[in-house]
Amino acid sequence: MSELTVSHLDAFDGEPRVLDLTVAERLGFLRPRAIRQLIERSKAELESYGLIATRCGAYRNRQFTEYWLNEAQALLVCVLSRTEKAAEVRRALIELFTVWRRGQLAQSGQPAVLTRAQLHEINSQAWAIASEVAKVAFQEHKTRLVKEACDRLATMRPVEMLPHDKDPA
């Protein structure tokens, strides 16, 4: 089992949480998303330890909900999973959440690791910037091509023969 680190935690309203798929992988689920069925079946008991944080998304046009579990919920999922690795995963989760509570993560001496949410936000910002750059580039190319087309029409040359490079023929 790979070590659980701060990069596996994300804070929701100041409370550390771990992604359901991270727990499933550590538990040895062959299909990690199957843990979501266990969560759905046990939702009432899990919510007795607090609200389950969720994020909805889409992948290949399929909607999904990921669950972010607090410490008690993650430990309960381990118990309910009944896998061979459940005790080992519970121990790793307890150690990780304990270190979080004690504030010892920042002094660990390990290089800073971005959380999943931070990486998601960076990706969103990068896409927004790339989209804006693409829009500007598109407009520049469109303006150039319209000018070239008008110049060709003015000299009685066919428009459909526009060159693909920036040098007008």
N, C-alpha and C. Protein backbone atom coordinates (compact mmCIF):
# COMPACT_ATOMS: atom_id res chain seq x y z
N MET A 1 0.86 -1.18 0.00
CA MET A 1 0.00 0.00 0.00
C MET A 1 0.90 1.23 0.00
N SER A 2 0.63 2.15 -0.92
CA SER A 2 1.40 3.39 -0.92
C SER A 2 0.97 4.26 0.26
N GLU A 3 1.90 5.06 0.71
CA GLU A 3 1.67 5.89 1.89
C GLU A 3 0.62 6.95 1.64
N LEU A 4 -0.19 7.20 2.64
CA LEU A 4 -1.14 8.30 2.58
C LEU A 4 -0.41 9.56 3.03
N THR A 5 -0.54 10.63 2.25
CA THR A 5 0.14 11.88 2.55
C THR A 5 -0.87 13.01 2.54
N VAL A 6 -0.40 14.19 2.87
CA VAL A 6 -1.25 15.38 2.89
C VAL A 6 -1.89 15.61 1.52
N SER A 7 -1.24 15.18 0.46
CA SER A 7 -1.82 15.38 -0.87
C SER A 7 -3.12 14.60 -1.06
N HIS A 8 -3.37 13.63 -0.20
CA HIS A 8 -4.61 12.85 -0.27
C HIS A 8 -5.75 13.52 0.49
N LEU A 9 -5.44 14.56 1.25
CA LEU A 9 -6.47 15.26 2.02
C LEU A 9 -6.84 16.56 1.33
N ASP A 10 -8.07 16.95 1.53
CA ASP A 10 -8.56 18.23 1.04
C ASP A 10 -9.46 18.79 2.13
N ALA A 11 -9.38 20.07 2.36
CA ALA A 11 -10.17 20.69 3.41
C ALA A 11 -11.50 21.20 2.87
N PHE A 12 -12.57 20.81 3.52
CA PHE A 12 -13.91 21.31 3.22
C PHE A 12 -14.37 22.01 4.48
N ASP A 13 -14.59 23.31 4.40
CA ASP A 13 -14.95 24.11 5.56
C ASP A 13 -13.97 23.89 6.72
N GLY A 14 -12.70 23.80 6.38
CA GLY A 14 -11.66 23.65 7.39
C GLY A 14 -11.49 22.24 7.93
N GLU A 15 -12.30 21.31 7.46
CA GLU A 15 -12.22 19.93 7.95
C GLU A 15 -11.52 19.06 6.90
N PRO A 16 -10.50 18.31 7.31
CA PRO A 16 -9.80 17.47 6.34
C PRO A 16 -10.68 16.31 5.89
N ARG A 17 -10.58 16.01 4.60
CA ARG A 17 -11.36 14.90 4.04
C ARG A 17 -10.51 14.16 3.02
N VAL A 18 -10.88 12.91 2.81
CA VAL A 18 -10.16 12.07 1.86
C VAL A 18 -11.15 11.57 0.80
N LEU A 19 -10.68 11.47 -0.42
CA LEU A 19 -11.51 11.04 -1.54
C LEU A 19 -11.86 9.56 -1.41
N ASP A 20 -13.09 9.22 -1.73
CA ASP A 20 -13.55 7.83 -1.65
C ASP A 20 -12.66 6.88 -2.46
N LEU A 21 -12.24 7.28 -3.64
CA LEU A 21 -11.42 6.41 -4.50
C LEU A 21 -10.04 6.14 -3.89
N THR A 22 -9.52 7.11 -3.15
CA THR A 22 -8.24 6.92 -2.47
C THR A 22 -8.37 5.81 -1.43
N VAL A 23 -9.45 5.85 -0.68
CA VAL A 23 -9.70 4.81 0.33
C VAL A 23 -9.90 3.46 -0.36
N ALA A 24 -10.68 3.45 -1.43
CA ALA A 24 -10.96 2.20 -2.16
C ALA A 24 -9.68 1.56 -2.69
N GLU A 25 -8.80 2.38 -3.26
CA GLU A 25 -7.55 1.85 -3.80
C GLU A 25 -6.70 1.25 -2.70
N ARG A 26 -6.63 1.93 -1.56
CA ARG A 26 -5.84 1.42 -0.43
C ARG A 26 -6.45 0.14 0.13
N LEU A 27 -7.78 0.04 0.08
CA LEU A 27 -8.45 -1.16 0.58
C LEU A 27 -8.30 -2.34 -0.37
N GLY A 28 -7.84 -2.08 -1.58
CA GLY A 28 -7.62 -3.16 -2.54
C GLY A 28 -8.81 -3.47 -3.42
N PHE A 29 -9.74 -2.53 -3.54
CA PHE A 29 -10.89 -2.74 -4.43
C PHE A 29 -10.38 -2.92 -5.87
N LEU A 30 -10.86 -3.94 -6.55
CA LEU A 30 -10.49 -4.14 -7.95
C LEU A 30 -11.08 -3.04 -8.82
N ARG A 31 -12.29 -2.64 -8.49
CA ARG A 31 -12.95 -1.51 -9.17
C ARG A 31 -13.20 -0.45 -8.12
N PRO A 32 -12.28 0.51 -7.97
CA PRO A 32 -12.40 1.50 -6.89
C PRO A 32 -13.73 2.24 -6.84
N ARG A 33 -14.36 2.47 -7.99
CA ARG A 33 -15.64 3.20 -7.97
C ARG A 33 -16.75 2.39 -7.29
N ALA A 34 -16.54 1.10 -7.11
CA ALA A 34 -17.54 0.27 -6.43
C ALA A 34 -17.73 0.71 -4.97
N ILE A 35 -16.75 1.43 -4.43
CA ILE A 35 -16.89 1.91 -3.05
C ILE A 35 -18.08 2.86 -2.93
N ARG A 36 -18.45 3.48 -4.03
CA ARG A 36 -19.57 4.43 -4.01
C ARG A 36 -20.90 3.71 -3.75
N GLN A 37 -20.99 2.47 -4.15
CA GLN A 37 -22.19 1.68 -3.84
C GLN A 37 -22.24 1.41 -2.34
N LEU A 38 -21.11 1.09 -1.75
CA LEU A 38 -21.04 0.86 -0.30
C LEU A 38 -21.43 2.15 0.43
N ILE A 39 -20.95 3.28 -0.06
CA ILE A 39 -21.26 4.57 0.58
C ILE A 39 -22.76 4.85 0.47
N GLU A 40 -23.32 4.61 -0.69
CA GLU A 40 -24.77 4.85 -0.87
C GLU A 40 -25.60 3.96 0.06
N ARG A 41 -25.22 2.68 0.17
CA ARG A 41 -25.95 1.75 1.04
C ARG A 41 -25.86 2.15 2.50
N SER A 42 -24.74 2.76 2.88
CA SER A 42 -24.49 3.09 4.29
C SER A 42 -24.61 4.57 4.56
N LYS A 43 -25.24 5.29 3.68
CA LYS A 43 -25.27 6.76 3.76
C LYS A 43 -25.83 7.27 5.09
N ALA A 44 -26.89 6.69 5.57
CA ALA A 44 -27.50 7.16 6.82
C ALA A 44 -26.51 7.05 7.97
N GLU A 45 -25.84 5.91 8.09
CA GLU A 45 -24.87 5.75 9.17
C GLU A 45 -23.67 6.68 8.98
N LEU A 46 -23.20 6.81 7.77
CA LEU A 46 -22.07 7.70 7.49
C LEU A 46 -22.42 9.16 7.83
N GLU A 47 -23.64 9.56 7.50
CA GLU A 47 -24.05 10.94 7.78
C GLU A 47 -24.27 11.19 9.26
N SER A 48 -24.35 10.14 10.06
CA SER A 48 -24.44 10.34 11.50
C SER A 48 -23.11 10.89 12.04
N TYR A 49 -22.06 10.81 11.24
CA TYR A 49 -20.75 11.37 11.60
C TYR A 49 -20.48 12.70 10.90
N GLY A 50 -21.52 13.27 10.31
CA GLY A 50 -21.38 14.55 9.62
C GLY A 50 -21.81 14.43 8.17
N LEU A 51 -22.03 15.58 7.56
CA LEU A 51 -22.42 15.57 6.15
C LEU A 51 -21.30 15.01 5.30
N ILE A 52 -21.67 14.28 4.28
CA ILE A 52 -20.69 13.76 3.34
C ILE A 52 -20.49 14.83 2.27
N ALA A 53 -19.27 15.29 2.13
CA ALA A 53 -18.98 16.29 1.10
C ALA A 53 -18.93 15.58 -0.25
N THR A 54 -19.55 16.21 -1.25
CA THR A 54 -19.57 15.61 -2.58
C THR A 54 -19.15 16.65 -3.62
N ARG A 55 -18.65 16.12 -4.71
CA ARG A 55 -18.38 16.93 -5.91
C ARG A 55 -18.91 16.15 -7.08
N CYS A 56 -19.64 16.84 -7.93
CA CYS A 56 -20.18 16.21 -9.12
C CYS A 56 -19.33 16.57 -10.31
N GLY A 57 -19.25 15.66 -11.24
CA GLY A 57 -18.48 15.91 -12.45
C GLY A 57 -18.99 15.05 -13.59
N ALA A 58 -18.29 15.13 -14.69
CA ALA A 58 -18.63 14.33 -15.86
C ALA A 58 -17.34 13.84 -16.49
N TYR A 59 -17.38 12.63 -16.99
CA TYR A 59 -16.25 12.05 -17.69
C TYR A 59 -16.81 11.25 -18.85
N ARG A 60 -16.38 11.60 -20.05
CA ARG A 60 -16.88 10.95 -21.26
C ARG A 60 -18.41 10.96 -21.29
N ASN A 61 -18.97 12.11 -21.01
CA ASN A 61 -20.41 12.34 -21.03
C ASN A 61 -21.19 11.52 -20.00
N ARG A 62 -20.52 11.01 -18.99
CA ARG A 62 -21.20 10.28 -17.91
C ARG A 62 -21.03 11.09 -16.62
N GLN A 63 -22.14 11.31 -15.94
CA GLN A 63 -22.14 12.05 -14.69
C GLN A 63 -21.65 11.15 -13.55
N PHE A 64 -20.94 11.73 -12.60
CA PHE A 64 -20.53 10.98 -11.42
C PHE A 64 -20.50 11.90 -10.22
N THR A 65 -20.57 11.28 -9.05
CA THR A 65 -20.45 12.00 -7.79
C THR A 65 -19.31 11.37 -7.02
N GLU A 66 -18.33 12.20 -6.64
CA GLU A 66 -17.26 11.68 -5.80
C GLU A 66 -17.54 12.11 -4.37
N TYR A 67 -17.17 11.25 -3.44
CA TYR A 67 -17.44 11.49 -2.03
C TYR A 67 -16.14 11.80 -1.31
N TRP A 68 -16.16 12.86 -0.53
CA TRP A 68 -15.03 13.26 0.30
C TRP A 68 -15.41 12.99 1.74
N LEU A 69 -14.72 12.05 2.36
CA LEU A 69 -15.08 11.54 3.69
C LEU A 69 -14.23 12.16 4.79
N ASN A 70 -14.91 12.50 5.89
CA ASN A 70 -14.14 12.96 7.05
C ASN A 70 -13.51 11.73 7.71
N GLU A 71 -12.78 11.95 8.78
CA GLU A 71 -12.05 10.85 9.42
C GLU A 71 -12.97 9.71 9.85
N ALA A 72 -14.02 10.03 10.57
CA ALA A 72 -14.93 8.99 11.07
C ALA A 72 -15.58 8.23 9.92
N GLN A 73 -15.99 8.94 8.89
CA GLN A 73 -16.64 8.31 7.74
C GLN A 73 -15.66 7.38 7.01
N ALA A 74 -14.43 7.84 6.83
CA ALA A 74 -13.43 7.02 6.15
C ALA A 74 -13.15 5.74 6.95
N LEU A 75 -13.06 5.89 8.27
CA LEU A 75 -12.81 4.72 9.12
C LEU A 75 -13.99 3.75 9.07
N LEU A 76 -15.20 4.28 9.08
CA LEU A 76 -16.39 3.43 9.00
C LEU A 76 -16.43 2.69 7.66
N VAL A 77 -16.08 3.36 6.58
CA VAL A 77 -16.05 2.71 5.26
C VAL A 77 -15.05 1.56 5.29
N CYS A 78 -13.91 1.76 5.96
CA CYS A 78 -12.93 0.67 6.10
C CYS A 78 -13.53 -0.54 6.80
N VAL A 79 -14.23 -0.27 7.89
CA VAL A 79 -14.86 -1.35 8.65
C VAL A 79 -15.91 -2.07 7.80
N LEU A 80 -16.75 -1.29 7.12
CA LEU A 80 -17.82 -1.88 6.32
C LEU A 80 -17.31 -2.61 5.08
N SER A 81 -16.11 -2.27 4.62
CA SER A 81 -15.58 -2.90 3.40
C SER A 81 -15.20 -4.36 3.61
N ARG A 82 -14.81 -4.68 4.83
CA ARG A 82 -14.42 -6.06 5.19
C ARG A 82 -13.32 -6.62 4.27
N THR A 83 -12.39 -5.79 3.88
CA THR A 83 -11.28 -6.27 3.05
C THR A 83 -10.11 -6.68 3.94
N GLU A 84 -9.17 -7.41 3.37
CA GLU A 84 -8.01 -7.86 4.13
C GLU A 84 -7.14 -6.69 4.58
N LYS A 85 -7.16 -5.61 3.82
CA LYS A 85 -6.31 -4.46 4.12
C LYS A 85 -6.99 -3.43 5.01
N ALA A 86 -8.21 -3.68 5.44
CA ALA A 86 -8.99 -2.68 6.18
C ALA A 86 -8.27 -2.19 7.44
N ALA A 87 -7.69 -3.08 8.22
CA ALA A 87 -7.01 -2.66 9.46
C ALA A 87 -5.80 -1.78 9.14
N GLU A 88 -5.05 -2.16 8.12
CA GLU A 88 -3.88 -1.39 7.71
C GLU A 88 -4.28 0.02 7.23
N VAL A 89 -5.36 0.08 6.48
CA VAL A 89 -5.84 1.37 5.96
C VAL A 89 -6.37 2.23 7.11
N ARG A 90 -7.09 1.62 8.04
CA ARG A 90 -7.59 2.37 9.19
C ARG A 90 -6.43 3.00 9.95
N ARG A 91 -5.39 2.23 10.18
CA ARG A 91 -4.22 2.73 10.90
C ARG A 91 -3.59 3.91 10.15
N ALA A 92 -3.43 3.78 8.83
CA ALA A 92 -2.84 4.86 8.02
C ALA A 92 -3.71 6.11 8.06
N LEU A 93 -5.03 5.93 8.01
CA LEU A 93 -5.94 7.08 8.07
C LEU A 93 -5.88 7.76 9.43
N ILE A 94 -5.87 6.97 10.49
CA ILE A 94 -5.79 7.54 11.83
C ILE A 94 -4.51 8.35 11.98
N GLU A 95 -3.39 7.80 11.52
CA GLU A 95 -2.11 8.52 11.61
C GLU A 95 -2.15 9.81 10.81
N LEU A 96 -2.69 9.75 9.60
CA LEU A 96 -2.74 10.93 8.74
C LEU A 96 -3.62 12.03 9.34
N PHE A 97 -4.82 11.67 9.78
CA PHE A 97 -5.72 12.67 10.35
C PHE A 97 -5.16 13.22 11.68
N THR A 98 -4.49 12.38 12.45
CA THR A 98 -3.88 12.83 13.70
C THR A 98 -2.80 13.87 13.43
N VAL A 99 -1.96 13.59 12.46
CA VAL A 99 -0.91 14.53 12.09
C VAL A 99 -1.53 15.84 11.61
N TRP A 100 -2.62 15.75 10.85
CA TRP A 100 -3.32 16.96 10.38
C TRP A 100 -3.79 17.80 11.57
N ARG A 101 -4.46 17.11 12.52
CA ARG A 101 -4.99 17.83 13.68
C ARG A 101 -3.89 18.49 14.50
N ARG A 102 -2.78 17.83 14.61
CA ARG A 102 -1.67 18.38 15.41
C ARG A 102 -0.91 19.47 14.66
N GLY A 103 -1.26 19.67 13.40
CA GLY A 103 -0.59 20.71 12.62
C GLY A 103 0.83 20.37 12.27
N GLN A 104 1.17 19.10 12.27
CA GLN A 104 2.54 18.69 12.01
C GLN A 104 2.85 18.51 10.53
N LEU A 105 1.85 18.62 9.69
CA LEU A 105 2.08 18.40 8.26
C LEU A 105 3.03 19.44 7.68
N ALA A 106 2.89 20.69 8.11
CA ALA A 106 3.71 21.75 7.55
C ALA A 106 5.18 21.59 7.93
N GLN A 107 5.47 20.98 9.08
CA GLN A 107 6.85 20.82 9.51
C GLN A 107 7.45 19.48 9.10
N SER A 108 6.82 18.77 8.20
CA SER A 108 7.27 17.41 7.88
C SER A 108 8.59 17.38 7.13
N GLY A 109 9.03 18.50 6.56
CA GLY A 109 10.28 18.51 5.82
C GLY A 109 10.12 17.98 4.40
N GLN A 110 8.95 17.50 4.06
CA GLN A 110 8.70 17.01 2.71
C GLN A 110 8.38 18.19 1.82
N PRO A 111 8.67 18.05 0.51
CA PRO A 111 8.32 19.15 -0.39
C PRO A 111 6.81 19.35 -0.41
N ALA A 112 6.40 20.59 -0.63
CA ALA A 112 4.98 20.91 -0.67
C ALA A 112 4.29 20.12 -1.78
N VAL A 113 3.12 19.60 -1.47
CA VAL A 113 2.35 18.84 -2.44
C VAL A 113 0.98 19.50 -2.56
N LEU A 114 0.58 19.78 -3.79
CA LEU A 114 -0.72 20.40 -4.01
C LEU A 114 -1.83 19.39 -3.79
N THR A 115 -2.93 19.86 -3.23
CA THR A 115 -4.08 18.97 -3.04
C THR A 115 -4.79 18.80 -4.37
N ARG A 116 -5.65 17.83 -4.42
CA ARG A 116 -6.44 17.57 -5.62
C ARG A 116 -7.29 18.79 -6.00
N ALA A 117 -7.87 19.44 -5.01
CA ALA A 117 -8.70 20.62 -5.28
C ALA A 117 -7.85 21.76 -5.83
N GLN A 118 -6.64 21.93 -5.28
CA GLN A 118 -5.76 22.98 -5.79
C GLN A 118 -5.36 22.69 -7.23
N LEU A 119 -5.03 21.44 -7.54
CA LEU A 119 -4.69 21.07 -8.91
C LEU A 119 -5.88 21.29 -9.84
N HIS A 120 -7.08 20.96 -9.36
CA HIS A 120 -8.29 21.18 -10.16
C HIS A 120 -8.47 22.66 -10.46
N GLU A 121 -8.28 23.51 -9.47
CA GLU A 121 -8.41 24.96 -9.66
C GLU A 121 -7.36 25.49 -10.62
N ILE A 122 -6.14 24.98 -10.51
CA ILE A 122 -5.07 25.40 -11.43
C ILE A 122 -5.44 24.99 -12.86
N ASN A 123 -5.95 23.77 -13.02
CA ASN A 123 -6.38 23.32 -14.35
C ASN A 123 -7.48 24.21 -14.91
N SER A 124 -8.44 24.56 -14.07
CA SER A 124 -9.54 25.43 -14.51
C SER A 124 -9.02 26.79 -14.95
N GLN A 125 -8.10 27.35 -14.16
CA GLN A 125 -7.54 28.65 -14.52
C GLN A 125 -6.72 28.56 -15.80
N ALA A 126 -5.96 27.49 -15.95
CA ALA A 126 -5.14 27.32 -17.16
C ALA A 126 -6.03 27.20 -18.40
N TRP A 127 -7.13 26.44 -18.29
CA TRP A 127 -8.06 26.33 -19.41
C TRP A 127 -8.69 27.67 -19.75
N ALA A 128 -9.02 28.44 -18.73
CA ALA A 128 -9.61 29.77 -18.98
C ALA A 128 -8.62 30.67 -19.70
N ILE A 129 -7.36 30.64 -19.27
CA ILE A 129 -6.33 31.46 -19.93
C ILE A 129 -6.12 30.96 -21.36
N ALA A 130 -6.00 29.64 -21.53
CA ALA A 130 -5.79 29.08 -22.87
C ALA A 130 -6.96 29.41 -23.79
N SER A 131 -8.17 29.36 -23.26
CA SER A 131 -9.34 29.68 -24.06
C SER A 131 -9.31 31.12 -24.51
N GLU A 132 -8.92 32.02 -23.60
CA GLU A 132 -8.85 33.45 -23.95
C GLU A 132 -7.78 33.68 -25.01
N VAL A 133 -6.62 33.04 -24.85
CA VAL A 133 -5.54 33.16 -25.84
C VAL A 133 -6.02 32.62 -27.18
N ALA A 134 -6.73 31.49 -27.15
CA ALA A 134 -7.23 30.90 -28.40
C ALA A 134 -8.24 31.82 -29.07
N LYS A 135 -9.09 32.47 -28.28
CA LYS A 135 -10.08 33.40 -28.85
C LYS A 135 -9.38 34.57 -29.54
N VAL A 136 -8.34 35.12 -28.90
CA VAL A 136 -7.60 36.24 -29.48
C VAL A 136 -6.91 35.79 -30.76
N ALA A 137 -6.25 34.61 -30.72
CA ALA A 137 -5.58 34.10 -31.91
C ALA A 137 -6.58 33.85 -33.03
N PHE A 138 -7.72 33.28 -32.71
CA PHE A 138 -8.76 33.04 -33.71
C PHE A 138 -9.18 34.35 -34.37
N GLN A 139 -9.43 35.36 -33.53
CA GLN A 139 -9.87 36.65 -34.08
C GLN A 139 -8.80 37.26 -34.98
N GLU A 140 -7.53 37.15 -34.57
CA GLU A 140 -6.44 37.68 -35.40
C GLU A 140 -6.39 36.96 -36.75
N HIS A 141 -6.48 35.64 -36.72
CA HIS A 141 -6.44 34.85 -37.97
C HIS A 141 -7.65 35.16 -38.84
N LYS A 142 -8.80 35.26 -38.21
CA LYS A 142 -10.01 35.56 -38.96
C LYS A 142 -9.91 36.92 -39.65
N THR A 143 -9.44 37.93 -38.91
CA THR A 143 -9.28 39.28 -39.48
C THR A 143 -8.32 39.25 -40.66
N ARG A 144 -7.19 38.53 -40.49
CA ARG A 144 -6.21 38.42 -41.57
C ARG A 144 -6.81 37.74 -42.79
N LEU A 145 -7.53 36.64 -42.58
CA LEU A 145 -8.11 35.89 -43.70
C LEU A 145 -9.20 36.69 -44.41
N VAL A 146 -10.00 37.43 -43.65
CA VAL A 146 -11.03 38.27 -44.27
C VAL A 146 -10.36 39.34 -45.14
N LYS A 147 -9.30 39.95 -44.62
CA LYS A 147 -8.58 40.96 -45.39
C LYS A 147 -8.01 40.36 -46.67
N GLU A 148 -7.38 39.18 -46.55
CA GLU A 148 -6.81 38.52 -47.72
C GLU A 148 -7.90 38.16 -48.73
N ALA A 149 -9.04 37.70 -48.24
CA ALA A 149 -10.14 37.36 -49.14
C ALA A 149 -10.63 38.60 -49.88
N CYS A 150 -10.77 39.71 -49.16
CA CYS A 150 -11.21 40.95 -49.79
C CYS A 150 -10.18 41.43 -50.82
N ASP A 151 -8.89 41.32 -50.47
CA ASP A 151 -7.83 41.70 -51.42
C ASP A 151 -7.89 40.83 -52.67
N ARG A 152 -8.12 39.53 -52.51
CA ARG A 152 -8.22 38.63 -53.66
C ARG A 152 -9.43 38.99 -54.53
N LEU A 153 -10.54 39.27 -53.87
CA LEU A 153 -11.74 39.65 -54.65
C LEU A 153 -11.48 40.93 -55.43
N ALA A 154 -10.80 41.88 -54.81
CA ALA A 154 -10.51 43.16 -55.47
C ALA A 154 -9.62 42.98 -56.69
N THR A 155 -8.77 41.96 -56.70
CA THR A 155 -7.88 41.71 -57.84
C THR A 155 -8.39 40.57 -58.71
N MET A 156 -9.64 40.20 -58.50
CA MET A 156 -10.31 39.17 -59.32
C MET A 156 -9.65 37.79 -59.20
N ARG A 157 -9.07 37.48 -58.04
CA ARG A 157 -8.50 36.15 -57.81
C ARG A 157 -9.50 35.35 -56.98
N PRO A 158 -9.51 34.01 -57.13
CA PRO A 158 -10.47 33.19 -56.37
C PRO A 158 -10.15 33.20 -54.87
N VAL A 159 -11.19 33.29 -54.09
CA VAL A 159 -11.05 33.35 -52.63
C VAL A 159 -10.71 31.98 -52.05
N GLU A 160 -11.24 30.90 -52.63
CA GLU A 160 -11.02 29.57 -52.05
C GLU A 160 -9.57 29.11 -52.14
N MET A 161 -8.71 29.89 -52.73
CA MET A 161 -7.31 29.53 -52.88
C MET A 161 -6.45 30.23 -51.83
N LEU A 162 -7.04 30.65 -50.71
CA LEU A 162 -6.27 31.34 -49.68
C LEU A 162 -5.15 30.46 -49.16
N PRO A 163 -3.95 31.05 -49.00
CA PRO A 163 -2.84 30.26 -48.44
C PRO A 163 -3.06 30.03 -46.95
N HIS A 164 -2.44 28.98 -46.42
CA HIS A 164 -2.59 28.65 -45.00
C HIS A 164 -1.54 29.32 -44.14
N ASP A 165 -0.53 29.92 -44.76
CA ASP A 165 0.48 30.60 -43.95
C ASP A 165 0.13 32.09 -43.86
N LYS A 166 0.99 32.86 -43.21
CA LYS A 166 0.68 34.27 -42.98
C LYS A 166 1.06 35.16 -44.16
N ASP A 167 1.81 34.63 -45.13
CA ASP A 167 2.22 35.44 -46.27
C ASP A 167 1.17 35.35 -47.36
N PRO A 168 0.48 36.48 -47.70
CA PRO A 168 -0.52 36.44 -48.76
C PRO A 168 0.15 36.18 -50.11
N ALA A 169 -0.49 35.36 -50.95
CA ALA A 169 0.07 35.01 -52.26
C ALA A 169 -0.25 36.05 -53.29
